[in-house]
Amino acid sequence: MIKSELIQKISATNAHLYHRDVERIVNVIFGEIVDALARGDRVELRGFGAFRVKYRAPRIGRNPRTGASVSVDEKFVPFFKTGKELRERMNQGDAD
């Protein structure tokens, strides 16, 4: 699901809200998550999961096309860990 689909679904299930208001709400929520991660904070949405930033140390990588060694700089990457409720709902059909 992409952001526009999320906005459409929320608008459809909440007919009393204007589409532009739903779009603004979704953008503010995502913006706050991005800002918190940029500050290095952890964002937890109970039942859904938690976002945090992981540090990746500099390393020597390999160009898959040429096989040549390349230097990969240090970086910070977003990381998402699913919450227990989401994980259980996703795996309900796997009880074979």
PDB file of N, CA and C in Angstrom:
ATOM      1  N   MET A   1       0.850  -1.172   0.000  1.00  0.00           N
ATOM      2  CA  MET A   1       0.000   0.000   0.000  1.00  0.00           C
ATOM      3  C   MET A   1       0.897   1.236   0.000  1.00  0.00           C
ATOM      4  N   ILE A   2       0.568   2.182  -0.848  1.00  0.00           N
ATOM      5  CA  ILE A   2       1.303   3.435  -0.892  1.00  0.00           C
ATOM      6  C   ILE A   2       0.496   4.511  -0.169  1.00  0.00           C
ATOM      7  N   LYS A   3       1.129   5.647   0.056  1.00  0.00           N
ATOM      8  CA  LYS A   3       0.509   6.694   0.861  1.00  0.00           C
ATOM      9  C   LYS A   3      -0.828   7.153   0.291  1.00  0.00           C
ATOM     10  N   SER A   4      -0.932   7.307  -1.012  1.00  0.00           N
ATOM     11  CA  SER A   4      -2.189   7.763  -1.608  1.00  0.00           C
ATOM     12  C   SER A   4      -3.303   6.734  -1.396  1.00  0.00           C
ATOM     13  N   GLU A   5      -2.966   5.432  -1.431  1.00  0.00           N
ATOM     14  CA  GLU A   5      -3.958   4.393  -1.157  1.00  0.00           C
ATOM     15  C   GLU A   5      -4.411   4.427   0.298  1.00  0.00           C
ATOM     16  N   LEU A   6      -3.470   4.680   1.194  1.00  0.00           N
ATOM     17  CA  LEU A   6      -3.808   4.815   2.611  1.00  0.00           C
ATOM     18  C   LEU A   6      -4.770   5.976   2.833  1.00  0.00           C
ATOM     19  N   ILE A   7      -4.488   7.099   2.202  1.00  0.00           N
ATOM     20  CA  ILE A   7      -5.348   8.278   2.324  1.00  0.00           C
ATOM     21  C   ILE A   7      -6.735   7.979   1.776  1.00  0.00           C
ATOM     22  N   GLN A   8      -6.806   7.307   0.635  1.00  0.00           N
ATOM     23  CA  GLN A   8      -8.093   6.938   0.035  1.00  0.00           C
ATOM     24  C   GLN A   8      -8.890   6.029   0.968  1.00  0.00           C
ATOM     25  N   LYS A   9      -8.225   5.047   1.552  1.00  0.00           N
ATOM     26  CA  LYS A   9      -8.907   4.095   2.429  1.00  0.00           C
ATOM     27  C   LYS A   9      -9.420   4.778   3.690  1.00  0.00           C
ATOM     28  N   ILE A  10      -8.616   5.635   4.285  1.00  0.00           N
ATOM     29  CA  ILE A  10      -9.053   6.356   5.481  1.00  0.00           C
ATOM     30  C   ILE A  10     -10.215   7.278   5.141  1.00  0.00           C
ATOM     31  N   SER A  11     -10.145   7.965   4.003  1.00  0.00           N
ATOM     32  CA  SER A  11     -11.234   8.849   3.573  1.00  0.00           C
ATOM     33  C   SER A  11     -12.525   8.071   3.343  1.00  0.00           C
ATOM     34  N   ALA A  12     -12.404   6.881   2.760  1.00  0.00           N
ATOM     35  CA  ALA A  12     -13.592   6.078   2.472  1.00  0.00           C
ATOM     36  C   ALA A  12     -14.263   5.568   3.748  1.00  0.00           C
ATOM     37  N   THR A  13     -13.469   5.230   4.752  1.00  0.00           N
ATOM     38  CA  THR A  13     -14.040   4.701   5.994  1.00  0.00           C
ATOM     39  C   THR A  13     -14.456   5.796   6.966  1.00  0.00           C
ATOM     40  N   ASN A  14     -14.055   7.042   6.699  1.00  0.00           N
ATOM     41  CA  ASN A  14     -14.416   8.177   7.549  1.00  0.00           C
ATOM     42  C   ASN A  14     -15.027   9.264   6.677  1.00  0.00           C
ATOM     43  N   ALA A  15     -16.263   9.023   6.249  1.00  0.00           N
ATOM     44  CA  ALA A  15     -16.927   9.929   5.312  1.00  0.00           C
ATOM     45  C   ALA A  15     -17.134  11.330   5.882  1.00  0.00           C
ATOM     46  N   HIS A  16     -17.105  11.461   7.202  1.00  0.00           N
ATOM     47  CA  HIS A  16     -17.305  12.768   7.828  1.00  0.00           C
ATOM     48  C   HIS A  16     -16.070  13.666   7.726  1.00  0.00           C
ATOM     49  N   LEU A  17     -14.928  13.107   7.289  1.00  0.00           N
ATOM     50  CA  LEU A  17     -13.702  13.893   7.136  1.00  0.00           C
ATOM     51  C   LEU A  17     -13.495  14.251   5.668  1.00  0.00           C
ATOM     52  N   TYR A  18     -13.009  15.458   5.443  1.00  0.00           N
ATOM     53  CA  TYR A  18     -12.659  15.866   4.088  1.00  0.00           C
ATOM     54  C   TYR A  18     -11.382  15.154   3.651  1.00  0.00           C
ATOM     55  N   HIS A  19     -11.304  14.856   2.363  1.00  0.00           N
ATOM     56  CA  HIS A  19     -10.127  14.186   1.813  1.00  0.00           C
ATOM     57  C   HIS A  19      -8.863  14.996   2.090  1.00  0.00           C
ATOM     58  N   ARG A  20      -8.922  16.305   1.920  1.00  0.00           N
ATOM     59  CA  ARG A  20      -7.731  17.143   2.139  1.00  0.00           C
ATOM     60  C   ARG A  20      -7.285  17.113   3.602  1.00  0.00           C
ATOM     61  N   ASP A  21      -8.249  16.979   4.537  1.00  0.00           N
ATOM     62  CA  ASP A  21      -7.897  16.894   5.951  1.00  0.00           C
ATOM     63  C   ASP A  21      -7.215  15.563   6.267  1.00  0.00           C
ATOM     64  N   VAL A  22      -7.717  14.488   5.689  1.00  0.00           N
ATOM     65  CA  VAL A  22      -7.096  13.181   5.883  1.00  0.00           C
ATOM     66  C   VAL A  22      -5.673  13.197   5.327  1.00  0.00           C
ATOM     67  N   GLU A  23      -5.506  13.787   4.156  1.00  0.00           N
ATOM     68  CA  GLU A  23      -4.177  13.884   3.545  1.00  0.00           C
ATOM     69  C   GLU A  23      -3.227  14.678   4.442  1.00  0.00           C
ATOM     70  N   ARG A  24      -3.708  15.768   4.990  1.00  0.00           N
ATOM     71  CA  ARG A  24      -2.896  16.593   5.881  1.00  0.00           C
ATOM     72  C   ARG A  24      -2.510  15.816   7.146  1.00  0.00           C
ATOM     73  N   ILE A  25      -3.468  15.077   7.712  1.00  0.00           N
ATOM     74  CA  ILE A  25      -3.204  14.282   8.921  1.00  0.00           C
ATOM     75  C   ILE A  25      -2.135  13.227   8.658  1.00  0.00           C
ATOM     76  N   VAL A  26      -2.277  12.491   7.559  1.00  0.00           N
ATOM     77  CA  VAL A  26      -1.308  11.448   7.217  1.00  0.00           C
ATOM     78  C   VAL A  26       0.076  12.060   6.992  1.00  0.00           C
ATOM     79  N   ASN A  27       0.136  13.182   6.292  1.00  0.00           N
ATOM     80  CA  ASN A  27       1.426  13.843   6.049  1.00  0.00           C
ATOM     81  C   ASN A  27       2.071  14.318   7.341  1.00  0.00           C
ATOM     82  N   VAL A  28       1.272  14.830   8.274  1.00  0.00           N
ATOM     83  CA  VAL A  28       1.816  15.291   9.558  1.00  0.00           C
ATOM     84  C   VAL A  28       2.363  14.107  10.353  1.00  0.00           C
ATOM     85  N   ILE A  29       1.624  13.004  10.382  1.00  0.00           N
ATOM     86  CA  ILE A  29       2.090  11.825  11.128  1.00  0.00           C
ATOM     87  C   ILE A  29       3.392  11.299  10.546  1.00  0.00           C
ATOM     88  N   PHE A  30       3.438  11.136   9.221  1.00  0.00           N
ATOM     89  CA  PHE A  30       4.673  10.658   8.596  1.00  0.00           C
ATOM     90  C   PHE A  30       5.817  11.649   8.791  1.00  0.00           C
ATOM     91  N   GLY A  31       5.508  12.936   8.709  1.00  0.00           N
ATOM     92  CA  GLY A  31       6.524  13.962   8.925  1.00  0.00           C
ATOM     93  C   GLY A  31       7.112  13.904  10.326  1.00  0.00           C
ATOM     94  N   GLU A  32       6.263  13.667  11.318  1.00  0.00           N
ATOM     95  CA  GLU A  32       6.741  13.555  12.700  1.00  0.00           C
ATOM     96  C   GLU A  32       7.622  12.319  12.881  1.00  0.00           C
ATOM     97  N   ILE A  33       7.262  11.225  12.232  1.00  0.00           N
ATOM     98  CA  ILE A  33       8.091  10.019  12.310  1.00  0.00           C
ATOM     99  C   ILE A  33       9.457  10.287  11.694  1.00  0.00           C
ATOM    100  N   VAL A  34       9.469  10.914  10.527  1.00  0.00           N
ATOM    101  CA  VAL A  34      10.734  11.224   9.851  1.00  0.00           C
ATOM    102  C   VAL A  34      11.581  12.174  10.698  1.00  0.00           C
ATOM    103  N   ASP A  35      10.961  13.208  11.262  1.00  0.00           N
ATOM    104  CA  ASP A  35      11.699  14.164  12.091  1.00  0.00           C
ATOM    105  C   ASP A  35      12.287  13.488  13.328  1.00  0.00           C
ATOM    106  N   ALA A  36      11.519  12.609  13.961  1.00  0.00           N
ATOM    107  CA  ALA A  36      12.010  11.901  15.145  1.00  0.00           C
ATOM    108  C   ALA A  36      13.198  11.014  14.793  1.00  0.00           C
ATOM    109  N   LEU A  37      13.117  10.307  13.672  1.00  0.00           N
ATOM    110  CA  LEU A  37      14.230   9.455  13.256  1.00  0.00           C
ATOM    111  C   LEU A  37      15.455  10.291  12.910  1.00  0.00           C
ATOM    112  N   ALA A  38      15.246  11.455  12.306  1.00  0.00           N
ATOM    113  CA  ALA A  38      16.365  12.339  11.970  1.00  0.00           C
ATOM    114  C   ALA A  38      17.072  12.824  13.237  1.00  0.00           C
ATOM    115  N   ARG A  39      16.333  12.973  14.331  1.00  0.00           N
ATOM    116  CA  ARG A  39      16.925  13.363  15.614  1.00  0.00           C
ATOM    117  C   ARG A  39      17.583  12.185  16.320  1.00  0.00           C
ATOM    118  N   GLY A  40      17.362  10.970  15.803  1.00  0.00           N
ATOM    119  CA  GLY A  40      17.921   9.778  16.426  1.00  0.00           C
ATOM    120  C   GLY A  40      16.991   9.147  17.444  1.00  0.00           C
ATOM    121  N   ASP A  41      15.744   9.614  17.515  1.00  0.00           N
ATOM    122  CA  ASP A  41      14.775   9.062  18.454  1.00  0.00           C
ATOM    123  C   ASP A  41      14.169   7.772  17.904  1.00  0.00           C
ATOM    124  N   ARG A  42      13.560   7.024  18.796  1.00  0.00           N
ATOM    125  CA  ARG A  42      12.839   5.797  18.437  1.00  0.00           C
ATOM    126  C   ARG A  42      11.356   6.131  18.413  1.00  0.00           C
ATOM    127  N   VAL A  43      10.624   5.596  17.434  1.00  0.00           N
ATOM    128  CA  VAL A  43       9.183   5.828  17.316  1.00  0.00           C
ATOM    129  C   VAL A  43       8.482   4.486  17.429  1.00  0.00           C
ATOM    130  N   GLU A  44       7.599   4.366  18.422  1.00  0.00           N
ATOM    131  CA  GLU A  44       6.873   3.114  18.621  1.00  0.00           C
ATOM    132  C   GLU A  44       5.384   3.352  18.446  1.00  0.00           C
ATOM    133  N   LEU A  45       4.756   2.539  17.612  1.00  0.00           N
ATOM    134  CA  LEU A  45       3.316   2.548  17.421  1.00  0.00           C
ATOM    135  C   LEU A  45       2.817   1.219  17.969  1.00  0.00           C
ATOM    136  N   ARG A  46       2.227   1.258  19.150  1.00  0.00           N
ATOM    137  CA  ARG A  46       1.818   0.031  19.852  1.00  0.00           C
ATOM    138  C   ARG A  46       0.957  -0.856  18.965  1.00  0.00           C
ATOM    139  N   GLY A  47       1.297  -2.124  18.924  1.00  0.00           N
ATOM    140  CA  GLY A  47       0.562  -3.089  18.126  1.00  0.00           C
ATOM    141  C   GLY A  47       1.001  -3.135  16.674  1.00  0.00           C
ATOM    142  N   PHE A  48       1.692  -2.087  16.205  1.00  0.00           N
ATOM    143  CA  PHE A  48       2.135  -2.036  14.812  1.00  0.00           C
ATOM    144  C   PHE A  48       3.620  -2.340  14.721  1.00  0.00           C
ATOM    145  N   GLY A  49       4.428  -1.563  15.432  1.00  0.00           N
ATOM    146  CA  GLY A  49       5.861  -1.785  15.393  1.00  0.00           C
ATOM    147  C   GLY A  49       6.632  -0.568  15.835  1.00  0.00           C
ATOM    148  N   ALA A  50       7.943  -0.653  15.700  1.00  0.00           N
ATOM    149  CA  ALA A  50       8.824   0.425  16.140  1.00  0.00           C
ATOM    150  C   ALA A  50       9.829   0.752  15.040  1.00  0.00           C
ATOM    151  N   PHE A  51      10.064   2.037  14.870  1.00  0.00           N
ATOM    152  CA  PHE A  51      11.067   2.531  13.934  1.00  0.00           C
ATOM    153  C   PHE A  51      12.252   3.034  14.749  1.00  0.00           C
ATOM    154  N   ARG A  52      13.448   2.758  14.277  1.00  0.00           N
ATOM    155  CA  ARG A  52      14.640   3.318  14.896  1.00  0.00           C
ATOM    156  C   ARG A  52      15.723   3.454  13.833  1.00  0.00           C
ATOM    157  N   VAL A  53      16.793   4.094  14.216  1.00  0.00           N
ATOM    158  CA  VAL A  53      17.902   4.315  13.295  1.00  0.00           C
ATOM    159  C   VAL A  53      19.048   3.401  13.703  1.00  0.00           C
ATOM    160  N   LYS A  54      19.615   2.698  12.736  1.00  0.00           N
ATOM    161  CA  LYS A  54      20.768   1.835  12.982  1.00  0.00           C
ATOM    162  C   LYS A  54      22.004   2.440  12.325  1.00  0.00           C
ATOM    163  N   TYR A  55      23.119   2.309  12.998  1.00  0.00           N
ATOM    164  CA  TYR A  55      24.395   2.778  12.474  1.00  0.00           C
ATOM    165  C   TYR A  55      25.058   1.652  11.689  1.00  0.00           C
ATOM    166  N   ARG A  56      25.531   1.980  10.514  1.00  0.00           N
ATOM    167  CA  ARG A  56      26.293   1.032   9.703  1.00  0.00           C
ATOM    168  C   ARG A  56      27.723   1.565   9.597  1.00  0.00           C
ATOM    169  N   ALA A  57      28.671   0.799  10.068  1.00  0.00           N
ATOM    170  CA  ALA A  57      30.079   1.201  10.063  1.00  0.00           C
ATOM    171  C   ALA A  57      30.623   1.210   8.634  1.00  0.00           C
ATOM    172  N   PRO A  58      31.682   1.986   8.406  1.00  0.00           N
ATOM    173  CA  PRO A  58      32.299   1.961   7.070  1.00  0.00           C
ATOM    174  C   PRO A  58      32.883   0.576   6.799  1.00  0.00           C
ATOM    175  N   ARG A  59      32.890   0.198   5.531  1.00  0.00           N
ATOM    176  CA  ARG A  59      33.374  -1.139   5.173  1.00  0.00           C
ATOM    177  C   ARG A  59      33.863  -1.136   3.738  1.00  0.00           C
ATOM    178  N   ILE A  60      34.463  -2.225   3.363  1.00  0.00           N
ATOM    179  CA  ILE A  60      34.878  -2.430   1.974  1.00  0.00           C
ATOM    180  C   ILE A  60      33.827  -3.333   1.330  1.00  0.00           C
ATOM    181  N   GLY A  61      33.188  -2.819   0.289  1.00  0.00           N
ATOM    182  CA  GLY A  61      32.169  -3.582  -0.431  1.00  0.00           C
ATOM    183  C   GLY A  61      32.705  -4.040  -1.768  1.00  0.00           C
ATOM    184  N   ARG A  62      31.829  -4.625  -2.573  1.00  0.00           N
ATOM    185  CA  ARG A  62      32.234  -5.124  -3.876  1.00  0.00           C
ATOM    186  C   ARG A  62      31.205  -4.694  -4.908  1.00  0.00           C
ATOM    187  N   ASN A  63      31.686  -4.173  -6.022  1.00  0.00           N
ATOM    188  CA  ASN A  63      30.814  -3.826  -7.133  1.00  0.00           C
ATOM    189  C   ASN A  63      30.373  -5.139  -7.785  1.00  0.00           C
ATOM    190  N   PRO A  64      29.062  -5.451  -7.767  1.00  0.00           N
ATOM    191  CA  PRO A  64      28.637  -6.749  -8.302  1.00  0.00           C
ATOM    192  C   PRO A  64      28.851  -6.909  -9.812  1.00  0.00           C
ATOM    193  N   ARG A  65      28.903  -5.805 -10.522  1.00  0.00           N
ATOM    194  CA  ARG A  65      29.085  -5.891 -11.980  1.00  0.00           C
ATOM    195  C   ARG A  65      30.542  -6.173 -12.346  1.00  0.00           C
ATOM    196  N   THR A  66      31.471  -5.453 -11.703  1.00  0.00           N
ATOM    197  CA  THR A  66      32.888  -5.583 -12.077  1.00  0.00           C
ATOM    198  C   THR A  66      33.693  -6.435 -11.104  1.00  0.00           C
ATOM    199  N   GLY A  67      33.185  -6.607  -9.895  1.00  0.00           N
ATOM    200  CA  GLY A  67      33.929  -7.357  -8.888  1.00  0.00           C
ATOM    201  C   GLY A  67      34.971  -6.518  -8.169  1.00  0.00           C
ATOM    202  N   ALA A  68      35.093  -5.240  -8.531  1.00  0.00           N
ATOM    203  CA  ALA A  68      36.090  -4.371  -7.918  1.00  0.00           C
ATOM    204  C   ALA A  68      35.677  -4.002  -6.495  1.00  0.00           C
ATOM    205  N   SER A  69      36.684  -3.841  -5.637  1.00  0.00           N
ATOM    206  CA  SER A  69      36.422  -3.415  -4.259  1.00  0.00           C
ATOM    207  C   SER A  69      36.121  -1.926  -4.234  1.00  0.00           C
ATOM    208  N   VAL A  70      35.123  -1.558  -3.419  1.00  0.00           N
ATOM    209  CA  VAL A  70      34.774  -0.149  -3.263  1.00  0.00           C
ATOM    210  C   VAL A  70      34.610   0.157  -1.780  1.00  0.00           C
ATOM    211  N   SER A  71      34.934   1.376  -1.432  1.00  0.00           N
ATOM    212  CA  SER A  71      34.796   1.822  -0.050  1.00  0.00           C
ATOM    213  C   SER A  71      33.366   2.315   0.163  1.00  0.00           C
ATOM    214  N   VAL A  72      32.718   1.793   1.202  1.00  0.00           N
ATOM    215  CA  VAL A  72      31.360   2.208   1.542  1.00  0.00           C
ATOM    216  C   VAL A  72      31.447   3.017   2.820  1.00  0.00           C
ATOM    217  N   ASP A  73      30.994   4.270   2.764  1.00  0.00           N
ATOM    218  CA  ASP A  73      31.065   5.153   3.917  1.00  0.00           C
ATOM    219  C   ASP A  73      30.122   4.709   5.023  1.00  0.00           C
ATOM    220  N   GLU A  74      30.381   5.228   6.228  1.00  0.00           N
ATOM    221  CA  GLU A  74      29.459   4.972   7.339  1.00  0.00           C
ATOM    222  C   GLU A  74      28.126   5.643   7.035  1.00  0.00           C
ATOM    223  N   LYS A  75      27.049   5.082   7.585  1.00  0.00           N
ATOM    224  CA  LYS A  75      25.740   5.671   7.333  1.00  0.00           C
ATOM    225  C   LYS A  75      24.769   5.247   8.429  1.00  0.00           C
ATOM    226  N   PHE A  76      23.683   5.946   8.481  1.00  0.00           N
ATOM    227  CA  PHE A  76      22.588   5.621   9.381  1.00  0.00           C
ATOM    228  C   PHE A  76      21.405   5.225   8.515  1.00  0.00           C
ATOM    229  N   VAL A  77      20.765   4.106   8.844  1.00  0.00           N
ATOM    230  CA  VAL A  77      19.653   3.616   8.046  1.00  0.00           C
ATOM    231  C   VAL A  77      18.434   3.400   8.939  1.00  0.00           C
ATOM    232  N   PRO A  78      17.229   3.652   8.409  1.00  0.00           N
ATOM    233  CA  PRO A  78      16.022   3.386   9.198  1.00  0.00           C
ATOM    234  C   PRO A  78      15.799   1.880   9.312  1.00  0.00           C
ATOM    235  N   PHE A  79      15.281   1.470  10.450  1.00  0.00           N
ATOM    236  CA  PHE A  79      15.018   0.061  10.708  1.00  0.00           C
ATOM    237  C   PHE A  79      13.637  -0.056  11.331  1.00  0.00           C
ATOM    238  N   PHE A  80      12.839  -1.030  10.877  1.00  0.00           N
ATOM    239  CA  PHE A  80      11.497  -1.244  11.401  1.00  0.00           C
ATOM    240  C   PHE A  80      11.399  -2.640  11.971  1.00  0.00           C
ATOM    241  N   LYS A  81      10.867  -2.743  13.179  1.00  0.00           N
ATOM    242  CA  LYS A  81      10.626  -4.037  13.811  1.00  0.00           C
ATOM    243  C   LYS A  81       9.137  -4.147  14.070  1.00  0.00           C
ATOM    244  N   THR A  82       8.505  -5.213  13.550  1.00  0.00           N
ATOM    245  CA  THR A  82       7.063  -5.356  13.705  1.00  0.00           C
ATOM    246  C   THR A  82       6.694  -5.603  15.157  1.00  0.00           C
ATOM    247  N   GLY A  83       5.510  -5.111  15.518  1.00  0.00           N
ATOM    248  CA  GLY A  83       4.978  -5.336  16.849  1.00  0.00           C
ATOM    249  C   GLY A  83       4.355  -6.719  16.947  1.00  0.00           C
ATOM    250  N   LYS A  84       4.120  -7.155  18.171  1.00  0.00           N
ATOM    251  CA  LYS A  84       3.582  -8.489  18.403  1.00  0.00           C
ATOM    252  C   LYS A  84       2.210  -8.673  17.752  1.00  0.00           C
ATOM    253  N   GLU A  85       1.315  -7.692  17.904  1.00  0.00           N
ATOM    254  CA  GLU A  85      -0.031  -7.810  17.351  1.00  0.00           C
ATOM    255  C   GLU A  85      -0.006  -7.913  15.822  1.00  0.00           C
ATOM    256  N   LEU A  86       0.789  -7.081  15.167  1.00  0.00           N
ATOM    257  CA  LEU A  86       0.893  -7.125  13.705  1.00  0.00           C
ATOM    258  C   LEU A  86       1.466  -8.460  13.248  1.00  0.00           C
ATOM    259  N   ARG A  87       2.511  -8.914  13.922  1.00  0.00           N
ATOM    260  CA  ARG A  87       3.153 -10.181  13.563  1.00  0.00           C
ATOM    261  C   ARG A  87       2.162 -11.341  13.705  1.00  0.00           C
ATOM    262  N   GLU A  88       1.371 -11.335  14.792  1.00  0.00           N
ATOM    263  CA  GLU A  88       0.393 -12.398  14.993  1.00  0.00           C
ATOM    264  C   GLU A  88      -0.707 -12.365  13.932  1.00  0.00           C
ATOM    265  N   ARG A  89      -1.171 -11.172  13.577  1.00  0.00           N
ATOM    266  CA  ARG A  89      -2.225 -11.060  12.559  1.00  0.00           C
ATOM    267  C   ARG A  89      -1.713 -11.496  11.190  1.00  0.00           C
ATOM    268  N   MET A  90      -0.441 -11.207  10.890  1.00  0.00           N
ATOM    269  CA  MET A  90       0.132 -11.595   9.610  1.00  0.00           C
ATOM    270  C   MET A  90       0.309 -13.099   9.519  1.00  0.00           C
ATOM    271  N   ASN A  91       0.543 -13.759  10.646  1.00  0.00           N
ATOM    272  CA  ASN A  91       0.858 -15.181  10.658  1.00  0.00           C
ATOM    273  C   ASN A  91      -0.325 -16.057  11.046  1.00  0.00           C
ATOM    274  N   GLN A  92      -1.529 -15.530  11.097  1.00  0.00           N
ATOM    275  CA  GLN A  92      -2.701 -16.323  11.471  1.00  0.00           C
ATOM    276  C   GLN A  92      -2.947 -17.464  10.508  1.00  0.00           C
ATOM    277  N   GLY A  93      -2.723 -17.274   9.251  1.00  0.00           N
ATOM    278  CA  GLY A  93      -2.987 -18.309   8.253  1.00  0.00           C
ATOM    279  C   GLY A  93      -1.887 -19.337   8.140  1.00  0.00           C
ATOM    280  N   ASP A  94      -0.789 -19.176   8.883  1.00  0.00           N
ATOM    281  CA  ASP A  94       0.358 -20.079   8.767  1.00  0.00           C
ATOM    282  C   ASP A  94       0.299 -21.265   9.733  1.00  0.00           C
ATOM    283  N   ALA A  95      -0.828 -21.503  10.388  1.00  0.00           N
ATOM    284  CA  ALA A  95      -0.939 -22.593  11.360  1.00  0.00           C
ATOM    285  C   ALA A  95      -1.284 -23.895  10.641  1.00  0.00           C
ATOM    286  N   ASP A  96      -0.377 -24.370   9.810  1.00  0.00           N
ATOM    287  CA  ASP A  96      -0.612 -25.603   9.029  1.00  0.00           C
ATOM    288  C   ASP A  96      -0.164 -26.816   9.791  1.00  0.00           C
TER     289      ASP A  96
END
